[in-house]
Amino acid sequence: MPSLTFHQDSYTISFDEDENKFESFHSYKPEMMGCLNTTLLTFKDGGLWKHTTSTAYCNFYGTQYPCYIQAVFAGDLINKKTWVSVMQNGNTVWSCPEIYTQMDSNTTIRQESELLESDFINIESEYHASFLRDKNSIGGLIEGNQLKGVFVVVKFQKNNPSTFVYLNSATVKFINSPLNNR
C-alpha cells in the first residue's frame, strides 16, 4: 500500500514579544538560532551569523532575497466585483507579480494577472495602476477578460531591497458586478 506524504516548505517566523504576536515570515532558514541580549545569532552550514550588524536589507547568508507583502482585498463578501485599479503608498513603487481572483476564465484555471513597476504612475506621491486583464483568458493581459470575483489577492514585491523600503498602505478600486440574467 503506498504511503501518503505531505511536504510543505519551511519558514522562519518572527515573534514580537512587546506586541505579543507573530509579525513576519523570513526567507532564511537557519539550522539553529538564539539571542545574546538583543543580538540575534543563527547557525548556517556550520557558520555563526550575527543578524544585527549589517545595513543590507533582505540579505541573509550572503544571498539577496526579495521582500513581499501579500494582501487580500474583499470589501463585502457577498457581491461579485470587477477589479479596476490598485494604489500603493510607500517610499518606492512595488511590482505586483501575482494578482489573482477565485473566478475562472471559462476553464478550471483561476483568473491571474500581474503589474510591473513601470505600469504604475506617481500621482501626488502615490503610485497608481489599472489592473491588466486575465492572462489565462483569450487575449491575455491586454485584451483578456476583466478580473472579477468576490476577492482579489495582490502580492507586492521588491526584487532587490538592499536599502530600506516600505509600503504604508495599499488600496484597490472596484465596481460591483452583480449577476444579471438580462
C-alpha atoms as a PDB file:
ATOM      1  CA  MET A   1       0.000   0.000   0.000  1.00  0.00           C
ATOM      2  CA  PRO A   2       1.554   3.362  -0.992  1.00  0.00           C
ATOM      3  CA  SER A   3       2.181   5.833   1.783  1.00  0.00           C
ATOM      4  CA  LEU A   4       0.711   9.307   1.722  1.00  0.00           C
ATOM      5  CA  THR A   5       3.273  12.033   2.296  1.00  0.00           C
ATOM      6  CA  PHE A   6       2.812  15.743   2.795  1.00  0.00           C
ATOM      7  CA  HIS A   7       5.512  18.308   2.094  1.00  0.00           C
ATOM      8  CA  GLN A   8       5.490  21.972   2.997  1.00  0.00           C
ATOM      9  CA  ASP A   9       8.402  24.352   2.539  1.00  0.00           C
ATOM     10  CA  SER A  10       9.867  25.518   5.822  1.00  0.00           C
ATOM     11  CA  TYR A  11       9.564  29.116   7.030  1.00  0.00           C
ATOM     12  CA  THR A  12      11.239  31.197   9.673  1.00  0.00           C
ATOM     13  CA  ILE A  13       8.647  33.206  11.592  1.00  0.00           C
ATOM     14  CA  SER A  14       9.453  36.133  13.890  1.00  0.00           C
ATOM     15  CA  PHE A  15       7.575  36.899  17.095  1.00  0.00           C
ATOM     16  CA  ASP A  16       7.336  40.374  18.651  1.00  0.00           C
ATOM     17  CA  GLU A  17       7.276  39.946  22.426  1.00  0.00           C
ATOM     18  CA  ASP A  18       6.284  43.578  23.066  1.00  0.00           C
ATOM     19  CA  GLU A  19       3.210  43.208  20.815  1.00  0.00           C
ATOM     20  CA  ASN A  20       2.686  39.533  21.789  1.00  0.00           C
ATOM     21  CA  LYS A  21       2.165  38.439  18.164  1.00  0.00           C
ATOM     22  CA  PHE A  22       3.841  36.784  15.211  1.00  0.00           C
ATOM     23  CA  GLU A  23       4.733  39.523  12.777  1.00  0.00           C
ATOM     24  CA  SER A  24       6.648  38.246   9.767  1.00  0.00           C
ATOM     25  CA  PHE A  25       7.857  35.360   7.637  1.00  0.00           C
ATOM     26  CA  HIS A  26      11.540  35.362   6.606  1.00  0.00           C
ATOM     27  CA  SER A  27      13.376  33.787   3.673  1.00  0.00           C
ATOM     28  CA  TYR A  28      16.292  32.477   5.690  1.00  0.00           C
ATOM     29  CA  LYS A  29      16.192  29.017   7.238  1.00  0.00           C
ATOM     30  CA  PRO A  30      18.891  28.589   9.890  1.00  0.00           C
ATOM     31  CA  GLU A  31      19.984  25.320  11.415  1.00  0.00           C
ATOM     32  CA  MET A  32      19.774  26.829  14.896  1.00  0.00           C
ATOM     33  CA  MET A  33      19.116  30.285  16.311  1.00  0.00           C
ATOM     34  CA  GLY A  34      19.288  32.137  19.588  1.00  0.00           C
ATOM     35  CA  CYS A  35      19.701  35.549  21.174  1.00  0.00           C
ATOM     36  CA  LEU A  36      22.516  37.075  23.169  1.00  0.00           C
ATOM     37  CA  ASN A  37      20.921  40.105  24.850  1.00  0.00           C
ATOM     38  CA  THR A  38      19.408  41.925  21.820  1.00  0.00           C
ATOM     39  CA  THR A  39      21.625  40.303  19.191  1.00  0.00           C
ATOM     40  CA  LEU A  40      20.117  37.567  17.005  1.00  0.00           C
ATOM     41  CA  LEU A  41      22.599  34.768  16.218  1.00  0.00           C
ATOM     42  CA  THR A  42      21.983  31.909  13.779  1.00  0.00           C
ATOM     43  CA  PHE A  43      23.963  28.939  12.524  1.00  0.00           C
ATOM     44  CA  LYS A  44      24.009  28.034   8.841  1.00  0.00           C
ATOM     45  CA  ASP A  45      26.277  25.466   7.156  1.00  0.00           C
ATOM     46  CA  GLY A  46      28.344  25.283  10.334  1.00  0.00           C
ATOM     47  CA  GLY A  47      28.959  29.047  10.422  1.00  0.00           C
ATOM     48  CA  LEU A  48      27.856  31.574  13.018  1.00  0.00           C
ATOM     49  CA  TRP A  49      25.953  34.600  11.677  1.00  0.00           C
ATOM     50  CA  LYS A  50      25.153  37.825  13.538  1.00  0.00           C
ATOM     51  CA  HIS A  51      21.972  39.433  12.170  1.00  0.00           C
ATOM     52  CA  THR A  52      22.071  42.929  13.651  1.00  0.00           C
ATOM     53  CA  THR A  53      25.312  44.331  12.229  1.00  0.00           C
ATOM     54  CA  SER A  54      24.504  44.703   8.521  1.00  0.00           C
ATOM     55  CA  THR A  55      22.733  47.597   6.813  1.00  0.00           C
ATOM     56  CA  ALA A  56      21.960  45.404   3.769  1.00  0.00           C
ATOM     57  CA  TYR A  57      18.266  44.601   3.962  1.00  0.00           C
ATOM     58  CA  CYS A  58      16.896  41.157   2.993  1.00  0.00           C
ATOM     59  CA  ASN A  59      20.399  39.733   2.709  1.00  0.00           C
ATOM     60  CA  PHE A  60      20.865  36.500   4.607  1.00  0.00           C
ATOM     61  CA  TYR A  61      23.944  34.265   4.496  1.00  0.00           C
ATOM     62  CA  GLY A  62      25.305  36.236   1.532  1.00  0.00           C
ATOM     63  CA  THR A  63      22.148  35.849  -0.585  1.00  0.00           C
ATOM     64  CA  GLN A  64      19.962  38.817  -1.551  1.00  0.00           C
ATOM     65  CA  TYR A  65      16.264  37.917  -1.234  1.00  0.00           C
ATOM     66  CA  PRO A  66      13.209  39.791  -2.480  1.00  0.00           C
ATOM     67  CA  CYS A  67      10.707  41.102   0.040  1.00  0.00           C
ATOM     68  CA  TYR A  68       6.987  40.883  -0.467  1.00  0.00           C
ATOM     69  CA  ILE A  69       3.658  41.540   1.151  1.00  0.00           C
ATOM     70  CA  GLN A  70       0.599  39.566   0.079  1.00  0.00           C
ATOM     71  CA  ALA A  71      -2.783  41.208   0.690  1.00  0.00           C
ATOM     72  CA  VAL A  72      -6.344  40.003   0.208  1.00  0.00           C
ATOM     73  CA  PHE A  73      -8.932  42.637  -0.762  1.00  0.00           C
ATOM     74  CA  ALA A  74     -12.590  41.744  -0.495  1.00  0.00           C
ATOM     75  CA  GLY A  75     -14.883  44.547   0.615  1.00  0.00           C
ATOM     76  CA  ASP A  76     -18.165  42.799   1.297  1.00  0.00           C
ATOM     77  CA  LEU A  77     -18.071  39.050   0.780  1.00  0.00           C
ATOM     78  CA  ILE A  78     -21.470  38.736  -0.866  1.00  0.00           C
ATOM     79  CA  ASN A  79     -21.201  40.684  -4.104  1.00  0.00           C
ATOM     80  CA  LYS A  80     -19.028  39.845  -7.069  1.00  0.00           C
ATOM     81  CA  LYS A  81     -16.851  42.739  -8.177  1.00  0.00           C
ATOM     82  CA  THR A  82     -14.955  43.902 -11.249  1.00  0.00           C
ATOM     83  CA  TRP A  83     -11.484  44.881 -10.007  1.00  0.00           C
ATOM     84  CA  VAL A  84     -10.401  48.178 -11.572  1.00  0.00           C
ATOM     85  CA  SER A  85      -7.158  49.552 -10.089  1.00  0.00           C
ATOM     86  CA  VAL A  86      -4.636  49.472  -7.279  1.00  0.00           C
ATOM     87  CA  MET A  87      -2.934  52.285  -5.372  1.00  0.00           C
ATOM     88  CA  GLN A  88       0.116  51.993  -3.148  1.00  0.00           C
ATOM     89  CA  ASN A  89       1.703  54.483  -0.786  1.00  0.00           C
ATOM     90  CA  GLY A  90       5.337  53.986   0.194  1.00  0.00           C
ATOM     91  CA  ASN A  91       8.838  55.276  -0.388  1.00  0.00           C
ATOM     92  CA  THR A  92       9.111  53.445  -3.733  1.00  0.00           C
ATOM     93  CA  VAL A  93       6.880  51.602  -6.164  1.00  0.00           C
ATOM     94  CA  TRP A  94       6.494  47.834  -5.717  1.00  0.00           C
ATOM     95  CA  SER A  95       5.743  45.427  -8.568  1.00  0.00           C
ATOM     96  CA  CYS A  96       2.739  43.084  -8.338  1.00  0.00           C
ATOM     97  CA  PRO A  97       3.955  39.813  -9.915  1.00  0.00           C
ATOM     98  CA  GLU A  98       0.959  37.823  -8.662  1.00  0.00           C
ATOM     99  CA  ILE A  99      -2.635  39.003  -8.797  1.00  0.00           C
ATOM    100  CA  TYR A 100      -5.494  36.509  -8.772  1.00  0.00           C
ATOM    101  CA  THR A 101      -9.182  36.027  -8.061  1.00  0.00           C
ATOM    102  CA  GLN A 102     -11.157  32.874  -7.356  1.00  0.00           C
ATOM    103  CA  MET A 103     -13.101  33.192 -10.639  1.00  0.00           C
ATOM    104  CA  ASP A 104     -12.176  31.094 -13.654  1.00  0.00           C
ATOM    105  CA  SER A 105     -11.830  32.088 -17.297  1.00  0.00           C
ATOM    106  CA  ASN A 106     -14.312  29.515 -18.652  1.00  0.00           C
ATOM    107  CA  THR A 107     -11.766  26.871 -17.647  1.00  0.00           C
ATOM    108  CA  THR A 108     -10.604  25.337 -14.404  1.00  0.00           C
ATOM    109  CA  ILE A 109      -7.791  27.911 -14.087  1.00  0.00           C
ATOM    110  CA  ARG A 110      -8.295  30.896 -11.764  1.00  0.00           C
ATOM    111  CA  GLN A 111      -8.017  34.431 -13.133  1.00  0.00           C
ATOM    112  CA  GLU A 112      -4.435  35.731 -12.896  1.00  0.00           C
ATOM    113  CA  SER A 113      -2.706  38.987 -13.772  1.00  0.00           C
ATOM    114  CA  GLU A 114       0.422  40.990 -12.938  1.00  0.00           C
ATOM    115  CA  LEU A 115       1.763  44.546 -12.838  1.00  0.00           C
ATOM    116  CA  LEU A 116       5.349  45.684 -13.343  1.00  0.00           C
ATOM    117  CA  GLU A 117       6.841  48.691 -11.568  1.00  0.00           C
ATOM    118  CA  SER A 118       6.683  50.521 -14.915  1.00  0.00           C
ATOM    119  CA  ASP A 119       2.867  50.041 -15.029  1.00  0.00           C
ATOM    120  CA  PHE A 120       2.455  52.445 -12.085  1.00  0.00           C
ATOM    121  CA  ILE A 121       2.359  56.221 -12.318  1.00  0.00           C
ATOM    122  CA  ASN A 122       3.197  58.605  -9.488  1.00  0.00           C
ATOM    123  CA  ILE A 123       0.311  60.946  -8.653  1.00  0.00           C
ATOM    124  CA  GLU A 124       0.936  63.182  -5.634  1.00  0.00           C
ATOM    125  CA  SER A 125       3.371  60.697  -4.010  1.00  0.00           C
ATOM    126  CA  GLU A 126       1.069  57.705  -4.501  1.00  0.00           C
ATOM    127  CA  TYR A 127       1.587  55.011  -7.133  1.00  0.00           C
ATOM    128  CA  HIS A 128      -1.476  54.126  -9.223  1.00  0.00           C
ATOM    129  CA  ALA A 129      -2.090  51.433 -11.852  1.00  0.00           C
ATOM    130  CA  SER A 130      -5.099  49.972 -13.599  1.00  0.00           C
ATOM    131  CA  PHE A 131      -5.346  46.209 -13.346  1.00  0.00           C
ATOM    132  CA  LEU A 132      -4.427  44.400 -16.532  1.00  0.00           C
ATOM    133  CA  ARG A 133      -6.667  41.587 -17.763  1.00  0.00           C
ATOM    134  CA  ASP A 134      -6.721  37.862 -17.011  1.00  0.00           C
ATOM    135  CA  LYS A 135      -3.661  36.281 -18.642  1.00  0.00           C
ATOM    136  CA  ASN A 136      -5.382  32.855 -18.745  1.00  0.00           C
ATOM    137  CA  SER A 137      -8.221  34.083 -20.983  1.00  0.00           C
ATOM    138  CA  ILE A 138      -8.239  34.637 -24.742  1.00  0.00           C
ATOM    139  CA  GLY A 139      -6.478  37.958 -25.392  1.00  0.00           C
ATOM    140  CA  GLY A 140      -4.230  37.676 -22.337  1.00  0.00           C
ATOM    141  CA  LEU A 141      -3.104  40.604 -20.200  1.00  0.00           C
ATOM    142  CA  ILE A 142      -4.102  43.269 -22.747  1.00  0.00           C
ATOM    143  CA  GLU A 143      -7.414  42.109 -24.251  1.00  0.00           C
ATOM    144  CA  GLY A 144      -8.462  39.239 -21.999  1.00  0.00           C
ATOM    145  CA  ASN A 145     -11.318  39.089 -19.514  1.00  0.00           C
ATOM    146  CA  GLN A 146     -11.588  41.689 -16.765  1.00  0.00           C
ATOM    147  CA  LEU A 147     -10.676  40.486 -13.276  1.00  0.00           C
ATOM    148  CA  LYS A 148     -13.889  39.580 -11.435  1.00  0.00           C
ATOM    149  CA  GLY A 149     -14.691  37.879  -8.183  1.00  0.00           C
ATOM    150  CA  VAL A 150     -15.579  38.260  -4.540  1.00  0.00           C
ATOM    151  CA  PHE A 151     -11.924  38.862  -3.603  1.00  0.00           C
ATOM    152  CA  VAL A 152      -8.583  39.650  -5.228  1.00  0.00           C
ATOM    153  CA  VAL A 153      -5.150  38.680  -3.888  1.00  0.00           C
ATOM    154  CA  VAL A 154      -2.251  41.021  -4.707  1.00  0.00           C
ATOM    155  CA  LYS A 155       1.393  40.263  -3.990  1.00  0.00           C
ATOM    156  CA  PHE A 156       3.520  43.439  -3.670  1.00  0.00           C
ATOM    157  CA  GLN A 157       7.217  42.698  -4.235  1.00  0.00           C
ATOM    158  CA  LYS A 158      10.618  44.424  -4.301  1.00  0.00           C
ATOM    159  CA  ASN A 159      13.238  42.275  -6.022  1.00  0.00           C
ATOM    160  CA  ASN A 160      16.488  43.820  -4.721  1.00  0.00           C
ATOM    161  CA  PRO A 161      15.638  45.641  -1.499  1.00  0.00           C
ATOM    162  CA  SER A 162      19.207  46.152  -0.307  1.00  0.00           C
ATOM    163  CA  THR A 163      18.102  49.504   1.143  1.00  0.00           C
ATOM    164  CA  PHE A 164      15.164  50.215   3.408  1.00  0.00           C
ATOM    165  CA  VAL A 165      11.800  50.083   1.586  1.00  0.00           C
ATOM    166  CA  TYR A 166       8.318  50.349   2.997  1.00  0.00           C
ATOM    167  CA  LEU A 167       4.709  50.124   1.913  1.00  0.00           C
ATOM    168  CA  ASN A 168       2.462  52.293   4.113  1.00  0.00           C
ATOM    169  CA  SER A 169      -0.838  51.344   2.539  1.00  0.00           C
ATOM    170  CA  ALA A 170      -2.429  49.756  -0.475  1.00  0.00           C
ATOM    171  CA  THR A 171      -5.990  50.056  -1.703  1.00  0.00           C
ATOM    172  CA  VAL A 172      -7.945  48.688  -4.648  1.00  0.00           C
ATOM    173  CA  LYS A 173     -10.888  50.117  -6.541  1.00  0.00           C
ATOM    174  CA  PHE A 174     -13.738  48.009  -7.841  1.00  0.00           C
ATOM    175  CA  ILE A 175     -17.215  48.287  -9.225  1.00  0.00           C
ATOM    176  CA  ASN A 176     -19.997  45.974  -8.111  1.00  0.00           C
ATOM    177  CA  SER A 177     -20.698  43.297 -10.693  1.00  0.00           C
ATOM    178  CA  PRO A 178     -23.877  41.509  -9.605  1.00  0.00           C
ATOM    179  CA  LEU A 179     -25.213  38.552 -11.535  1.00  0.00           C
ATOM    180  CA  ASN A 180     -27.661  39.765 -14.132  1.00  0.00           C
ATOM    181  CA  ASN A 181     -29.817  37.492 -16.282  1.00  0.00           C
ATOM    182  CA  ARG A 182     -30.547  40.190 -18.885  1.00  0.00           C
END
